[in-house]
Amino acid sequence: MSTSYRLVLWNIDHTLVDVVRVTRDAYAEAFRQTTGRPLVRLAPTAGRTESEIIFETLAFNDIEVTDDHLPRFMDALAKAFAARRGRLRAEGRLLPGAREALAALARRQGTVQSVLTGSIQPNAVVKLAEFGLDSYVDTEVGGYEDGVYSKAALLELARRKASQKYGIAFDESAAWHPDRKGATVYVADSVRDVQAAKIAGAAAVAVATGSSTEAELRAAGADAVLPDLTDVQAVARAIDADAGA
C-alpha cells in the first residue's frame, strides 16, 4: 500500500491556543519601549502577520513610522513576550481538542506537521512549548513573520522547506521528488487565513474558534469547516479529504 503524504500546517492563535490577554500586554509593553508612549489602540490581529499589526498600530496611534520602527518593535515584542511566558497557562488556554488532534496526526505515517503563523518565531515557539504542543510539530519548517512575506508567501516557503527536508514534494507542481508527492493542508480560524491558503494553492480546513463564523469561513472558500477541534476523527477526515487521500 502506497503512503499518502501530507504537510499539515497549523495556525496557532485562536486555532490551537488563546493567549490574547498576554499578547495584548506584550504589545503594550513593546509599543512603550519603541515609541516612549502608552498604547491607546491595538490593530486587529486575526489572520495577520506581526508586521501588519505593528504598522497599523503605529498608524492608529499617530506615530510617524521610520525605517527602524519595525525591527525595534519586533525585538521589544520578543523580549516582552518572553518576560510574560509564565503567565501563558495561567491567563491563556489550550483550545479544546488541540492536543488530541496534533497527537493523532503525529502518529500517522507520511504526515509532517508544522505551523504557519503571523507570529515571530520566538513567540510562536514559546506558545507551543508552554502548552506542551512543541513535540508534535517540526518548527524548523514552519512559516513565521519575518517582516517581508505575506501569509500566502510564508505558506509557500514552509512547503518548500518541508519538501527539501523530508524529500517529499508537498506541491504537485514541484519538480523535485517526482515519485513522492503530497498535499499541503492549512488548519486555521480566520477568513484571511483561508484566503492565504487559496492564494498559495493549499487546502484550507477552517475551525470557527476565532472571530470568523462558520458561514464566513465557507464563503471565503474553506474546503472544510469545523466548529472546533474536539472531534478528532472529523479533523482527520477533513484533512484526508482535502489532501486527496
C-alpha atoms as a PDB file:
ATOM      1  CA  MET A   1       0.000   0.000   0.000  1.00  0.00           C
ATOM      2  CA  SER A   2       1.436   3.384  -1.013  1.00  0.00           C
ATOM      3  CA  THR A   3       1.831   6.105   1.597  1.00  0.00           C
ATOM      4  CA  SER A   4      -0.311   9.249   1.395  1.00  0.00           C
ATOM      5  CA  TYR A   5       1.941  12.191   2.146  1.00  0.00           C
ATOM      6  CA  ARG A   6       0.660  15.419   3.582  1.00  0.00           C
ATOM      7  CA  LEU A   7       2.032  18.564   5.158  1.00  0.00           C
ATOM      8  CA  VAL A   8      -0.341  19.882   7.816  1.00  0.00           C
ATOM      9  CA  LEU A   9       0.339  23.480   8.797  1.00  0.00           C
ATOM     10  CA  TRP A  10      -1.378  24.796  11.902  1.00  0.00           C
ATOM     11  CA  ASN A  11      -2.209  28.364  12.739  1.00  0.00           C
ATOM     12  CA  ILE A  12      -1.522  28.930  16.457  1.00  0.00           C
ATOM     13  CA  ASP A  13      -3.564  31.788  17.920  1.00  0.00           C
ATOM     14  CA  HIS A  14      -7.283  31.015  18.208  1.00  0.00           C
ATOM     15  CA  THR A  15      -6.750  27.692  16.423  1.00  0.00           C
ATOM     16  CA  LEU A  16      -4.631  25.853  18.994  1.00  0.00           C
ATOM     17  CA  VAL A  17      -4.364  28.315  21.897  1.00  0.00           C
ATOM     18  CA  ASP A  18      -5.904  31.516  23.181  1.00  0.00           C
ATOM     19  CA  VAL A  19      -3.342  33.827  24.797  1.00  0.00           C
ATOM     20  CA  VAL A  20      -4.895  37.146  23.827  1.00  0.00           C
ATOM     21  CA  ARG A  21      -4.521  38.793  27.250  1.00  0.00           C
ATOM     22  CA  VAL A  22      -0.786  38.141  27.442  1.00  0.00           C
ATOM     23  CA  THR A  23      -0.306  39.091  23.790  1.00  0.00           C
ATOM     24  CA  ARG A  24      -2.048  42.432  24.228  1.00  0.00           C
ATOM     25  CA  ASP A  25       0.008  43.157  27.329  1.00  0.00           C
ATOM     26  CA  ALA A  26       3.234  42.308  25.487  1.00  0.00           C
ATOM     27  CA  TYR A  27       2.219  44.571  22.607  1.00  0.00           C
ATOM     28  CA  ALA A  28       1.542  47.411  25.005  1.00  0.00           C
ATOM     29  CA  GLU A  29       4.974  47.000  26.570  1.00  0.00           C
ATOM     30  CA  ALA A  30       6.709  46.750  23.181  1.00  0.00           C
ATOM     31  CA  PHE A  31       4.877  49.839  21.959  1.00  0.00           C
ATOM     32  CA  ARG A  32       6.003  51.803  25.006  1.00  0.00           C
ATOM     33  CA  GLN A  33       9.579  50.602  24.639  1.00  0.00           C
ATOM     34  CA  THR A  34       9.622  51.506  20.941  1.00  0.00           C
ATOM     35  CA  THR A  35       7.814  54.847  20.964  1.00  0.00           C
ATOM     36  CA  GLY A  36       8.064  56.107  24.548  1.00  0.00           C
ATOM     37  CA  ARG A  37       4.281  56.488  24.617  1.00  0.00           C
ATOM     38  CA  PRO A  38       1.430  54.385  26.036  1.00  0.00           C
ATOM     39  CA  LEU A  39      -0.547  52.195  23.646  1.00  0.00           C
ATOM     40  CA  VAL A  40      -4.051  53.549  23.075  1.00  0.00           C
ATOM     41  CA  ARG A  41      -5.310  51.313  20.272  1.00  0.00           C
ATOM     42  CA  LEU A  42      -4.090  47.935  19.031  1.00  0.00           C
ATOM     43  CA  ALA A  43      -4.817  46.988  15.420  1.00  0.00           C
ATOM     44  CA  PRO A  44      -6.946  43.906  14.641  1.00  0.00           C
ATOM     45  CA  THR A  45      -4.863  40.735  14.822  1.00  0.00           C
ATOM     46  CA  ALA A  46      -6.908  37.879  13.285  1.00  0.00           C
ATOM     47  CA  GLY A  47      -5.152  36.223  10.351  1.00  0.00           C
ATOM     48  CA  ARG A  48      -2.485  38.909  10.159  1.00  0.00           C
ATOM     49  CA  THR A  49       1.287  38.987  10.454  1.00  0.00           C
ATOM     50  CA  GLU A  50       3.072  40.902  13.194  1.00  0.00           C
ATOM     51  CA  SER A  51       4.396  43.449  10.695  1.00  0.00           C
ATOM     52  CA  GLU A  52       0.859  44.243   9.507  1.00  0.00           C
ATOM     53  CA  ILE A  53      -0.315  44.600  13.096  1.00  0.00           C
ATOM     54  CA  ILE A  54       2.670  46.723  14.101  1.00  0.00           C
ATOM     55  CA  PHE A  55       2.476  49.149  11.172  1.00  0.00           C
ATOM     56  CA  GLU A  56      -1.269  49.633  11.592  1.00  0.00           C
ATOM     57  CA  THR A  57      -0.943  50.008  15.360  1.00  0.00           C
ATOM     58  CA  LEU A  58       1.685  52.710  14.900  1.00  0.00           C
ATOM     59  CA  ALA A  59      -0.612  54.500  12.444  1.00  0.00           C
ATOM     60  CA  PHE A  60      -3.623  54.216  14.749  1.00  0.00           C
ATOM     61  CA  ASN A  61      -1.600  55.849  17.494  1.00  0.00           C
ATOM     62  CA  ASP A  62      -0.319  58.711  15.286  1.00  0.00           C
ATOM     63  CA  ILE A  63       3.296  57.543  15.209  1.00  0.00           C
ATOM     64  CA  GLU A  64       5.318  58.702  12.210  1.00  0.00           C
ATOM     65  CA  VAL A  65       6.960  55.473  11.069  1.00  0.00           C
ATOM     66  CA  THR A  66      10.684  55.329  10.330  1.00  0.00           C
ATOM     67  CA  ASP A  67      12.818  52.521   8.893  1.00  0.00           C
ATOM     68  CA  ASP A  68      13.919  51.271  12.306  1.00  0.00           C
ATOM     69  CA  HIS A  69      10.463  51.077  13.882  1.00  0.00           C
ATOM     70  CA  LEU A  70       9.670  47.527  12.697  1.00  0.00           C
ATOM     71  CA  PRO A  71      12.904  45.791  13.789  1.00  0.00           C
ATOM     72  CA  ARG A  72      12.908  47.663  17.097  1.00  0.00           C
ATOM     73  CA  PHE A  73       9.261  46.803  17.750  1.00  0.00           C
ATOM     74  CA  MET A  74       9.767  43.117  16.902  1.00  0.00           C
ATOM     75  CA  ASP A  75      12.796  42.883  19.170  1.00  0.00           C
ATOM     76  CA  ALA A  76      10.875  44.542  22.002  1.00  0.00           C
ATOM     77  CA  LEU A  77       7.876  42.285  21.375  1.00  0.00           C
ATOM     78  CA  ALA A  78      10.004  39.120  21.619  1.00  0.00           C
ATOM     79  CA  LYS A  79      11.507  40.307  24.901  1.00  0.00           C
ATOM     80  CA  ALA A  80       8.135  41.415  26.321  1.00  0.00           C
ATOM     81  CA  PHE A  81       6.514  38.101  25.419  1.00  0.00           C
ATOM     82  CA  ALA A  82       9.382  36.037  26.841  1.00  0.00           C
ATOM     83  CA  ALA A  83       9.156  38.001  30.086  1.00  0.00           C
ATOM     84  CA  ARG A  84       5.471  37.018  30.345  1.00  0.00           C
ATOM     85  CA  ARG A  85       5.994  33.357  29.478  1.00  0.00           C
ATOM     86  CA  GLY A  86       4.970  32.194  32.951  1.00  0.00           C
ATOM     87  CA  ARG A  87       1.568  33.833  32.563  1.00  0.00           C
ATOM     88  CA  LEU A  88       0.540  31.988  29.408  1.00  0.00           C
ATOM     89  CA  ARG A  89      -1.049  28.939  31.044  1.00  0.00           C
ATOM     90  CA  ALA A  90      -2.465  30.939  33.940  1.00  0.00           C
ATOM     91  CA  GLU A  91      -4.134  33.589  31.777  1.00  0.00           C
ATOM     92  CA  GLY A  92      -4.443  31.718  28.486  1.00  0.00           C
ATOM     93  CA  ARG A  93      -5.865  28.370  27.488  1.00  0.00           C
ATOM     94  CA  LEU A  94      -5.284  25.411  25.237  1.00  0.00           C
ATOM     95  CA  LEU A  95      -8.274  25.176  22.935  1.00  0.00           C
ATOM     96  CA  PRO A  96     -10.418  22.020  23.211  1.00  0.00           C
ATOM     97  CA  GLY A  97      -9.170  19.119  21.108  1.00  0.00           C
ATOM     98  CA  ALA A  98      -5.939  20.829  20.034  1.00  0.00           C
ATOM     99  CA  ARG A  99      -3.505  18.468  21.744  1.00  0.00           C
ATOM    100  CA  GLU A 100      -5.531  15.378  20.838  1.00  0.00           C
ATOM    101  CA  ALA A 101      -5.724  16.378  17.153  1.00  0.00           C
ATOM    102  CA  LEU A 102      -1.990  17.077  16.943  1.00  0.00           C
ATOM    103  CA  ALA A 103      -1.148  13.834  18.739  1.00  0.00           C
ATOM    104  CA  ALA A 104      -3.398  11.757  16.495  1.00  0.00           C
ATOM    105  CA  LEU A 105      -1.888  13.165  13.311  1.00  0.00           C
ATOM    106  CA  ALA A 106       1.644  12.823  14.661  1.00  0.00           C
ATOM    107  CA  ARG A 107       1.138   9.050  14.795  1.00  0.00           C
ATOM    108  CA  ARG A 108       0.229   8.815  11.119  1.00  0.00           C
ATOM    109  CA  GLN A 109       2.805   7.686   8.583  1.00  0.00           C
ATOM    110  CA  GLY A 110       3.559  10.227   5.869  1.00  0.00           C
ATOM    111  CA  THR A 111       2.257  13.233   7.806  1.00  0.00           C
ATOM    112  CA  VAL A 112       4.512  16.168   8.614  1.00  0.00           C
ATOM    113  CA  GLN A 113       3.113  18.772  10.980  1.00  0.00           C
ATOM    114  CA  SER A 114       4.367  22.313  11.411  1.00  0.00           C
ATOM    115  CA  VAL A 115       2.953  25.796  11.917  1.00  0.00           C
ATOM    116  CA  LEU A 116       2.078  28.744   9.730  1.00  0.00           C
ATOM    117  CA  THR A 117       1.618  31.801  11.889  1.00  0.00           C
ATOM    118  CA  GLY A 118       1.770  35.555  11.785  1.00  0.00           C
ATOM    119  CA  SER A 119       3.822  35.498  14.989  1.00  0.00           C
ATOM    120  CA  ILE A 120       7.564  35.934  15.056  1.00  0.00           C
ATOM    121  CA  GLN A 121       9.295  32.597  15.571  1.00  0.00           C
ATOM    122  CA  PRO A 122      10.450  33.109  19.202  1.00  0.00           C
ATOM    123  CA  ASN A 123       6.910  33.894  20.341  1.00  0.00           C
ATOM    124  CA  ALA A 124       5.394  31.047  18.337  1.00  0.00           C
ATOM    125  CA  VAL A 125       7.816  28.523  19.854  1.00  0.00           C
ATOM    126  CA  VAL A 126       7.094  29.794  23.378  1.00  0.00           C
ATOM    127  CA  LYS A 127       3.340  29.355  22.874  1.00  0.00           C
ATOM    128  CA  LEU A 128       3.746  25.793  21.623  1.00  0.00           C
ATOM    129  CA  ALA A 129       6.173  24.830  24.379  1.00  0.00           C
ATOM    130  CA  GLU A 130       4.162  26.283  27.252  1.00  0.00           C
ATOM    131  CA  PHE A 131       1.104  24.276  26.240  1.00  0.00           C
ATOM    132  CA  GLY A 132       3.045  21.079  25.502  1.00  0.00           C
ATOM    133  CA  LEU A 133       2.442  21.114  21.752  1.00  0.00           C
ATOM    134  CA  ASP A 134       6.001  21.520  20.526  1.00  0.00           C
ATOM    135  CA  SER A 135       6.759  17.788  20.431  1.00  0.00           C
ATOM    136  CA  TYR A 136       4.077  17.215  17.778  1.00  0.00           C
ATOM    137  CA  VAL A 137       5.325  19.717  15.196  1.00  0.00           C
ATOM    138  CA  ASP A 138       8.533  20.373  13.317  1.00  0.00           C
ATOM    139  CA  THR A 139       9.118  24.056  13.997  1.00  0.00           C
ATOM    140  CA  GLU A 140      12.156  24.119  11.678  1.00  0.00           C
ATOM    141  CA  VAL A 141       9.975  24.000   8.571  1.00  0.00           C
ATOM    142  CA  GLY A 142       7.284  26.399   9.776  1.00  0.00           C
ATOM    143  CA  GLY A 143       6.272  29.755   8.357  1.00  0.00           C
ATOM    144  CA  TYR A 144       6.731  32.765  10.655  1.00  0.00           C
ATOM    145  CA  GLU A 145       6.576  36.533  10.451  1.00  0.00           C
ATOM    146  CA  ASP A 146       9.881  37.932   9.275  1.00  0.00           C
ATOM    147  CA  GLY A 147       8.933  41.396   8.109  1.00  0.00           C
ATOM    148  CA  VAL A 148       8.865  40.536   4.426  1.00  0.00           C
ATOM    149  CA  TYR A 149       6.270  37.985   3.389  1.00  0.00           C
ATOM    150  CA  SER A 150       2.500  37.719   3.305  1.00  0.00           C
ATOM    151  CA  LYS A 151       0.954  34.611   4.870  1.00  0.00           C
ATOM    152  CA  ALA A 152       0.413  33.109   1.422  1.00  0.00           C
ATOM    153  CA  ALA A 153       4.113  33.539   0.632  1.00  0.00           C
ATOM    154  CA  LEU A 154       5.047  32.195   4.075  1.00  0.00           C
ATOM    155  CA  LEU A 155       2.961  29.097   3.345  1.00  0.00           C
ATOM    156  CA  GLU A 156       4.853  28.514   0.123  1.00  0.00           C
ATOM    157  CA  LEU A 157       8.151  28.990   1.960  1.00  0.00           C
ATOM    158  CA  ALA A 158       7.150  26.459   4.635  1.00  0.00           C
ATOM    159  CA  ARG A 159       6.092  23.996   1.965  1.00  0.00           C
ATOM    160  CA  ARG A 160       9.430  24.380   0.205  1.00  0.00           C
ATOM    161  CA  LYS A 161      11.398  23.885   3.425  1.00  0.00           C
ATOM    162  CA  ALA A 162       9.387  20.768   4.295  1.00  0.00           C
ATOM    163  CA  SER A 163       9.822  19.351   0.785  1.00  0.00           C
ATOM    164  CA  GLN A 164      13.572  19.786   0.936  1.00  0.00           C
ATOM    165  CA  LYS A 165      13.926  18.354   4.446  1.00  0.00           C
ATOM    166  CA  TYR A 166      11.684  15.329   4.026  1.00  0.00           C
ATOM    167  CA  GLY A 167      12.230  14.542   0.349  1.00  0.00           C
ATOM    168  CA  ILE A 168       8.530  14.854  -0.449  1.00  0.00           C
ATOM    169  CA  ALA A 169       7.043  17.294  -2.960  1.00  0.00           C
ATOM    170  CA  PHE A 170       4.217  18.873  -0.968  1.00  0.00           C
ATOM    171  CA  ASP A 171       3.226  20.786  -4.076  1.00  0.00           C
ATOM    172  CA  GLU A 172       2.011  18.898  -7.118  1.00  0.00           C
ATOM    173  CA  SER A 173       3.795  21.357  -9.394  1.00  0.00           C
ATOM    174  CA  ALA A 174       7.156  20.857  -7.693  1.00  0.00           C
ATOM    175  CA  ALA A 175       9.872  19.442  -9.928  1.00  0.00           C
ATOM    176  CA  TRP A 176      11.775  17.552  -7.241  1.00  0.00           C
ATOM    177  CA  HIS A 177      10.969  14.105  -5.849  1.00  0.00           C
ATOM    178  CA  PRO A 178       8.531  13.165  -8.666  1.00  0.00           C
ATOM    179  CA  ASP A 179       7.714   9.808  -7.070  1.00  0.00           C
ATOM    180  CA  ARG A 180       6.991  11.194  -3.605  1.00  0.00           C
ATOM    181  CA  LYS A 181       4.252  13.770  -3.882  1.00  0.00           C
ATOM    182  CA  GLY A 182       1.899  15.009  -1.224  1.00  0.00           C
ATOM    183  CA  ALA A 183      -0.530  17.768  -0.417  1.00  0.00           C
ATOM    184  CA  THR A 184      -0.478  20.741   1.915  1.00  0.00           C
ATOM    185  CA  VAL A 185      -3.361  21.494   4.280  1.00  0.00           C
ATOM    186  CA  TYR A 186      -3.611  24.660   6.359  1.00  0.00           C
ATOM    187  CA  VAL A 187      -5.729  24.446   9.530  1.00  0.00           C
ATOM    188  CA  ALA A 188      -6.710  27.900  10.742  1.00  0.00           C
ATOM    189  CA  ASP A 189      -9.546  30.022  12.070  1.00  0.00           C
ATOM    190  CA  SER A 190      -9.857  33.260  10.086  1.00  0.00           C
ATOM    191  CA  VAL A 191     -11.115  34.372   6.696  1.00  0.00           C
ATOM    192  CA  ARG A 192      -7.698  35.874   5.945  1.00  0.00           C
ATOM    193  CA  ASP A 193      -6.055  32.503   6.636  1.00  0.00           C
ATOM    194  CA  VAL A 194      -8.431  30.741   4.252  1.00  0.00           C
ATOM    195  CA  GLN A 195      -7.653  33.332   1.597  1.00  0.00           C
ATOM    196  CA  ALA A 196      -3.914  32.824   2.128  1.00  0.00           C
ATOM    197  CA  ALA A 197      -4.297  29.065   1.631  1.00  0.00           C
ATOM    198  CA  LYS A 198      -6.243  29.595  -1.569  1.00  0.00           C
ATOM    199  CA  ILE A 199      -3.634  32.009  -2.954  1.00  0.00           C
ATOM    200  CA  ALA A 200      -0.874  29.507  -2.176  1.00  0.00           C
ATOM    201  CA  GLY A 201      -2.763  26.584  -3.718  1.00  0.00           C
ATOM    202  CA  ALA A 202      -3.154  24.704  -0.430  1.00  0.00           C
ATOM    203  CA  ALA A 203      -6.282  23.170   1.049  1.00  0.00           C
ATOM    204  CA  ALA A 204      -7.919  25.044   3.913  1.00  0.00           C
ATOM    205  CA  VAL A 205      -9.553  23.355   6.899  1.00  0.00           C
ATOM    206  CA  ALA A 206     -11.167  26.109   8.946  1.00  0.00           C
ATOM    207  CA  VAL A 207     -12.267  25.989  12.570  1.00  0.00           C
ATOM    208  CA  ALA A 208     -14.713  28.552  13.949  1.00  0.00           C
ATOM    209  CA  THR A 209     -12.784  29.142  17.158  1.00  0.00           C
ATOM    210  CA  GLY A 210     -11.713  32.682  16.323  1.00  0.00           C
ATOM    211  CA  SER A 211     -13.616  35.780  15.259  1.00  0.00           C
ATOM    212  CA  SER A 212     -14.824  34.354  11.913  1.00  0.00           C
ATOM    213  CA  THR A 213     -18.113  32.475  11.794  1.00  0.00           C
ATOM    214  CA  GLU A 214     -18.642  29.156  10.050  1.00  0.00           C
ATOM    215  CA  ALA A 215     -20.649  30.941   7.342  1.00  0.00           C
ATOM    216  CA  GLU A 216     -17.877  33.477   6.774  1.00  0.00           C
ATOM    217  CA  LEU A 217     -15.262  30.729   6.543  1.00  0.00           C
ATOM    218  CA  ARG A 218     -17.323  28.802   3.986  1.00  0.00           C
ATOM    219  CA  ALA A 219     -17.905  31.965   1.948  1.00  0.00           C
ATOM    220  CA  ALA A 220     -14.149  32.598   1.928  1.00  0.00           C
ATOM    221  CA  GLY A 221     -13.637  29.244   0.211  1.00  0.00           C
ATOM    222  CA  ALA A 222     -12.641  26.888   3.032  1.00  0.00           C
ATOM    223  CA  ASP A 223     -12.572  23.282   1.849  1.00  0.00           C
ATOM    224  CA  ALA A 224     -13.957  22.122   5.190  1.00  0.00           C
ATOM    225  CA  VAL A 225     -15.326  23.991   8.206  1.00  0.00           C
ATOM    226  CA  LEU A 226     -15.471  22.588  11.734  1.00  0.00           C
ATOM    227  CA  PRO A 227     -16.877  24.204  14.884  1.00  0.00           C
ATOM    228  CA  ASP A 228     -13.688  23.305  16.798  1.00  0.00           C
ATOM    229  CA  LEU A 229     -11.088  20.537  17.116  1.00  0.00           C
ATOM    230  CA  THR A 230     -12.876  18.393  19.691  1.00  0.00           C
ATOM    231  CA  ASP A 231     -13.949  15.709  17.190  1.00  0.00           C
ATOM    232  CA  VAL A 232     -10.508  14.370  16.321  1.00  0.00           C
ATOM    233  CA  GLN A 233     -11.883  11.926  13.767  1.00  0.00           C
ATOM    234  CA  ALA A 234     -13.708  14.750  11.985  1.00  0.00           C
ATOM    235  CA  VAL A 235     -10.474  16.744  11.900  1.00  0.00           C
ATOM    236  CA  ALA A 236      -8.609  13.774  10.402  1.00  0.00           C
ATOM    237  CA  ARG A 237     -11.357  13.165   7.830  1.00  0.00           C
ATOM    238  CA  ALA A 238     -11.305  16.819   6.768  1.00  0.00           C
ATOM    239  CA  ILE A 239      -7.530  16.775   6.379  1.00  0.00           C
ATOM    240  CA  ASP A 240      -7.601  13.470   4.478  1.00  0.00           C
ATOM    241  CA  ALA A 241     -10.312  14.709   2.123  1.00  0.00           C
ATOM    242  CA  ASP A 242      -8.520  17.955   1.428  1.00  0.00           C
ATOM    243  CA  ALA A 243      -5.198  16.181   0.961  1.00  0.00           C
ATOM    244  CA  GLY A 244      -6.774  13.968  -1.662  1.00  0.00           C
ATOM    245  CA  ALA A 245      -6.409  10.804   0.413  1.00  0.00           C
END
